């Protein structure tokens, strides 16, 4: 039997909105993990995906109520908002996937410049790295870094290195090299995965929203066989 009746459309729309709630949680979780894993101060694209996930969660609740009650007004606004959300999520997903390696590094560099020394110190200890891409820069430089004396690679390997003592040598050919990798080396795979995974998940699930718009439009124009015939316009 072909699913074309009122009851079937209603159940399908309810099921789809339950799926949207699950999708919204996945979007929020994946994007939040990517933002945390990247540990970058400003990742607007990933933040946009998180916002889409939150918005999708609430619009799915509206869709559930509209589907259960066959509420014409709720279903109308549900279709409009869901279509706009599709456009936004599709655009953000494409933008995340379109970011190349150079742009990724530029975003991380800008984030490092904007971070304070406390935040940089947290990054260095979490990623076990020292400095962004040049350990010879002092604290006053926007791309400089705090002392790495508490980072495990300094405490275990070589505490005499200038970077471990928080001293900037100003030259790149110090006889005592920094035993820690730069934070940029640790950032590269993390930031690439953050954009790729978040963009892919966001783009994939955005297409399900078109299905929701079509199903809501179809269900809205169907007549409830149990309702008063004079109540349906």
Protein backbone atom coordinates (compact mmCIF):
# COMPACT_ATOMS: atom_id res chain seq x y z
CA UNK A 1 0.00 0.00 0.00
CA UNK A 2 1.38 3.41 -0.99
CA UNK A 3 1.90 5.84 1.91
CA UNK A 4 -0.21 8.72 0.71
CA UNK A 5 -3.00 9.00 3.26
CA UNK A 6 -3.47 11.48 6.05
CA UNK A 7 -2.43 9.08 8.81
CA UNK A 8 0.67 7.96 6.99
CA UNK A 9 1.76 11.53 6.26
CA UNK A 10 1.17 12.49 9.87
CA UNK A 11 3.24 9.58 11.22
CA UNK A 12 5.99 10.25 8.68
CA UNK A 13 6.21 13.92 9.68
CA UNK A 14 6.26 13.03 13.38
CA UNK A 15 9.01 10.47 12.77
CA UNK A 16 11.00 12.96 10.70
CA UNK A 17 10.86 15.59 13.44
CA UNK A 18 11.99 13.07 16.03
CA UNK A 19 14.88 12.38 13.64
CA UNK A 20 15.54 16.12 13.43
CA UNK A 21 15.88 16.28 17.20
CA UNK A 22 18.47 13.50 17.04
CA UNK A 23 20.23 15.23 14.12
CA UNK A 24 20.32 18.53 16.01
CA UNK A 25 22.00 16.82 18.96
CA UNK A 26 24.53 15.23 16.58
CA UNK A 27 25.23 18.59 14.92
CA UNK A 28 25.72 20.32 18.26
CA UNK A 29 27.88 17.50 19.58
CA UNK A 30 30.12 17.17 16.52
CA UNK A 31 30.57 20.91 16.09
CA UNK A 32 31.20 21.47 19.80
CA UNK A 33 33.76 18.66 19.86
CA UNK A 34 35.44 20.08 16.75
CA UNK A 35 35.59 23.52 18.33
CA UNK A 36 37.05 22.06 21.52
CA UNK A 37 39.46 19.76 19.68
CA UNK A 38 40.72 22.61 17.53
CA UNK A 39 41.07 24.85 20.62
CA UNK A 40 40.85 27.97 18.51
CA UNK A 41 39.53 31.22 19.85
CA UNK A 42 37.31 32.11 16.89
CA UNK A 43 35.85 29.57 14.50
CA UNK A 44 32.76 31.35 13.23
CA UNK A 45 31.81 28.68 10.70
CA UNK A 46 31.77 25.90 13.28
CA UNK A 47 29.89 28.19 15.65
CA UNK A 48 27.32 28.68 12.91
CA UNK A 49 26.79 24.93 12.65
CA UNK A 50 26.22 24.79 16.42
CA UNK A 51 23.63 27.57 16.08
CA UNK A 52 21.92 25.64 13.28
CA UNK A 53 21.76 22.57 15.50
CA UNK A 54 20.17 24.52 18.35
CA UNK A 55 17.70 26.17 15.98
CA UNK A 56 16.85 22.84 14.36
CA UNK A 57 16.07 21.37 17.77
CA UNK A 58 13.47 24.03 18.52
CA UNK A 59 11.94 24.05 15.05
CA UNK A 60 11.61 20.25 15.29
CA UNK A 61 9.56 20.71 18.45
CA UNK A 62 7.33 23.14 16.56
CA UNK A 63 7.01 20.59 13.77
CA UNK A 64 6.03 17.87 16.23
CA UNK A 65 3.27 19.99 17.73
CA UNK A 66 2.06 21.03 14.28
CA UNK A 67 2.04 17.43 13.06
CA UNK A 68 0.18 16.05 16.08
CA UNK A 69 -2.46 18.78 16.01
CA UNK A 70 -2.51 19.29 12.22
CA UNK A 71 -2.12 22.97 13.03
CA UNK A 72 -2.16 24.98 9.81
CA UNK A 73 -0.36 28.06 11.13
CA UNK A 74 2.40 26.11 12.90
CA UNK A 75 2.98 23.94 9.83
CA UNK A 76 3.19 27.03 7.60
CA UNK A 77 5.85 28.73 9.72
CA UNK A 78 7.56 25.36 10.18
CA UNK A 79 7.99 25.02 6.40
CA UNK A 80 9.29 28.56 5.94
CA UNK A 81 11.77 28.44 8.81
CA UNK A 82 12.95 24.93 7.93
CA UNK A 83 13.66 25.99 4.35
CA UNK A 84 15.61 29.04 5.54
CA UNK A 85 17.53 26.78 7.94
CA UNK A 86 18.34 24.47 5.03
CA UNK A 87 19.82 27.39 3.06
CA UNK A 88 21.89 28.53 6.05
CA UNK A 89 23.11 25.06 7.01
CA UNK A 90 23.89 24.15 3.40
CA UNK A 91 25.91 27.35 2.98
CA UNK A 92 27.84 26.84 6.22
CA UNK A 93 28.55 23.20 5.37
CA UNK A 94 29.93 24.15 1.95
CA UNK A 95 31.96 26.96 3.49
CA UNK A 96 33.53 24.60 6.05
CA UNK A 97 34.49 22.11 3.33
CA UNK A 98 35.83 24.88 1.09
CA UNK A 99 38.36 26.16 3.65
CA UNK A 100 41.86 25.21 2.45
CA UNK A 101 44.99 24.55 4.50
CA UNK A 102 46.31 28.10 4.23
CA UNK A 103 43.00 29.55 5.38
CA UNK A 104 42.89 27.09 8.26
CA UNK A 105 46.34 28.20 9.44
CA UNK A 106 45.36 31.84 9.03
CA UNK A 107 42.30 31.29 11.25
CA UNK A 108 44.40 29.59 13.92
CA UNK A 109 47.02 32.37 13.74
CA UNK A 110 44.36 35.04 14.22
CA UNK A 111 42.96 33.07 17.12
CA UNK A 112 46.39 32.87 18.75
CA UNK A 113 46.89 36.62 18.36
CA UNK A 114 43.55 37.30 20.03
CA UNK A 115 44.19 34.93 22.95
CA UNK A 116 45.58 36.10 26.27
CA UNK A 117 48.57 34.51 27.97
CA UNK A 118 46.42 32.45 30.32
CA UNK A 119 44.60 30.87 27.42
CA UNK A 120 47.86 30.26 25.52
CA UNK A 121 49.30 28.60 28.61
CA UNK A 122 46.25 26.31 28.78
CA UNK A 123 46.73 25.38 25.12
CA UNK A 124 50.43 24.64 25.59
CA UNK A 125 49.76 22.33 28.53
CA UNK A 126 46.86 20.55 26.86
CA UNK A 127 48.56 19.98 23.50
CA UNK A 128 52.06 19.62 25.01
CA UNK A 129 53.57 22.26 22.75
CA UNK A 130 55.46 25.51 23.09
CA UNK A 131 54.84 28.71 21.16
CA UNK A 132 52.74 29.08 18.06
CA UNK A 133 55.23 28.75 15.20
CA UNK A 134 58.27 30.61 16.52
CA UNK A 135 59.47 29.83 20.05
CA UNK A 136 61.93 32.74 19.98
CA UNK A 137 59.20 35.37 20.26
CA UNK A 138 58.67 36.94 23.67
CA UNK A 139 55.41 37.64 25.49
CA UNK A 140 55.03 41.14 24.09
CA UNK A 141 54.74 39.88 20.52
CA UNK A 142 51.16 39.08 19.40
CA UNK A 143 52.37 35.64 18.30
CA UNK A 144 54.51 35.20 21.38
CA UNK A 145 53.91 32.72 24.17
CA UNK A 146 54.18 32.35 27.95
CA UNK A 147 56.80 30.22 29.65
CA UNK A 148 56.65 26.50 28.85
CA UNK A 149 58.32 25.42 32.10
CA UNK A 150 55.20 23.54 33.22
CA UNK A 151 54.72 21.68 29.93
CA UNK A 152 55.68 18.03 30.23
CA UNK A 153 58.10 18.11 27.29
CA UNK A 154 60.13 20.75 29.13
CA UNK A 155 59.97 19.17 32.57
CA UNK A 156 61.02 15.76 31.24
CA UNK A 157 63.48 16.61 28.49
CA UNK A 158 65.39 19.86 28.72
CA UNK A 159 64.72 22.57 31.24
CA UNK A 160 67.73 24.61 30.04
CA UNK A 161 66.09 25.58 26.75
CA UNK A 162 65.17 29.30 26.59
CA UNK A 163 61.57 28.48 25.67
CA UNK A 164 61.17 26.36 28.80
CA UNK A 165 62.39 29.23 30.96
CA UNK A 166 60.16 31.73 29.22
CA UNK A 167 63.13 33.57 27.76
CA UNK A 168 63.04 34.76 24.17
CA UNK A 169 66.42 34.45 22.48
CA UNK A 170 65.48 36.42 19.38
CA UNK A 171 67.40 34.02 17.12
CA UNK A 172 66.39 30.77 15.49
CA UNK A 173 69.76 28.97 15.76
CA UNK A 174 70.09 28.59 19.52
CA UNK A 175 72.61 25.95 20.63
CA UNK A 176 69.94 24.65 23.01
CA UNK A 177 66.86 23.81 20.97
CA UNK A 178 63.37 23.80 22.37
CA UNK A 179 62.38 20.19 23.15
CA UNK A 180 58.70 20.89 22.50
CA UNK A 181 56.95 20.98 19.12
CA UNK A 182 55.23 24.21 18.19
CA UNK A 183 51.49 24.46 18.77
CA UNK A 184 50.95 25.02 15.04
CA UNK A 185 52.21 21.49 14.40
CA UNK A 186 49.59 20.17 16.82
CA UNK A 187 46.88 22.44 15.44
CA UNK A 188 47.16 21.43 11.77
CA UNK A 189 45.48 17.98 11.87
CA UNK A 190 42.96 19.08 14.49
CA UNK A 191 41.72 22.15 12.64
CA UNK A 192 41.50 20.27 9.33
CA UNK A 193 39.44 17.49 10.92
CA UNK A 194 37.26 20.07 12.67
CA UNK A 195 36.24 21.74 9.42
CA UNK A 196 35.97 18.53 7.39
CA UNK A 197 33.83 16.58 9.85
CA UNK A 198 31.61 19.50 10.82
CA UNK A 199 31.10 20.60 7.21
CA UNK A 200 30.37 17.06 6.02
CA UNK A 201 27.86 16.33 8.78
CA UNK A 202 26.14 19.69 8.34
CA UNK A 203 25.93 19.35 4.57
CA UNK A 204 24.63 15.77 4.68
CA UNK A 205 21.85 16.45 7.16
CA UNK A 206 20.81 19.70 5.46
CA UNK A 207 19.27 17.71 2.61
CA UNK A 208 16.89 15.96 5.00
CA UNK A 209 15.36 19.36 5.73
CA UNK A 210 14.12 19.65 2.14
CA UNK A 211 12.27 16.38 2.72
CA UNK A 212 10.71 17.92 5.82
CA UNK A 213 9.51 20.97 3.87
CA UNK A 214 7.92 18.79 1.18
CA UNK A 215 6.30 16.44 3.70
CA UNK A 216 4.91 19.33 5.78
CA UNK A 217 3.46 20.99 2.67
CA UNK A 218 1.81 17.76 1.61
CA UNK A 219 0.44 16.98 5.08
CA UNK A 220 -0.83 20.54 5.55
CA UNK A 221 -2.97 20.29 2.42
CA UNK A 222 -4.50 16.95 3.38
CA UNK A 223 -7.87 16.65 5.06
CA UNK A 224 -8.19 15.03 8.48
CA UNK A 225 -10.83 12.31 8.05
CA UNK A 226 -11.75 12.50 11.73
CA UNK A 227 -12.19 16.28 11.77
CA UNK A 228 -15.33 18.29 11.15
CA UNK A 229 -15.58 18.67 7.33
CA UNK A 230 -16.61 22.28 7.75
CA UNK A 231 -13.46 23.05 9.75
CA UNK A 232 -11.10 22.28 6.88
CA UNK A 233 -10.52 25.01 4.36
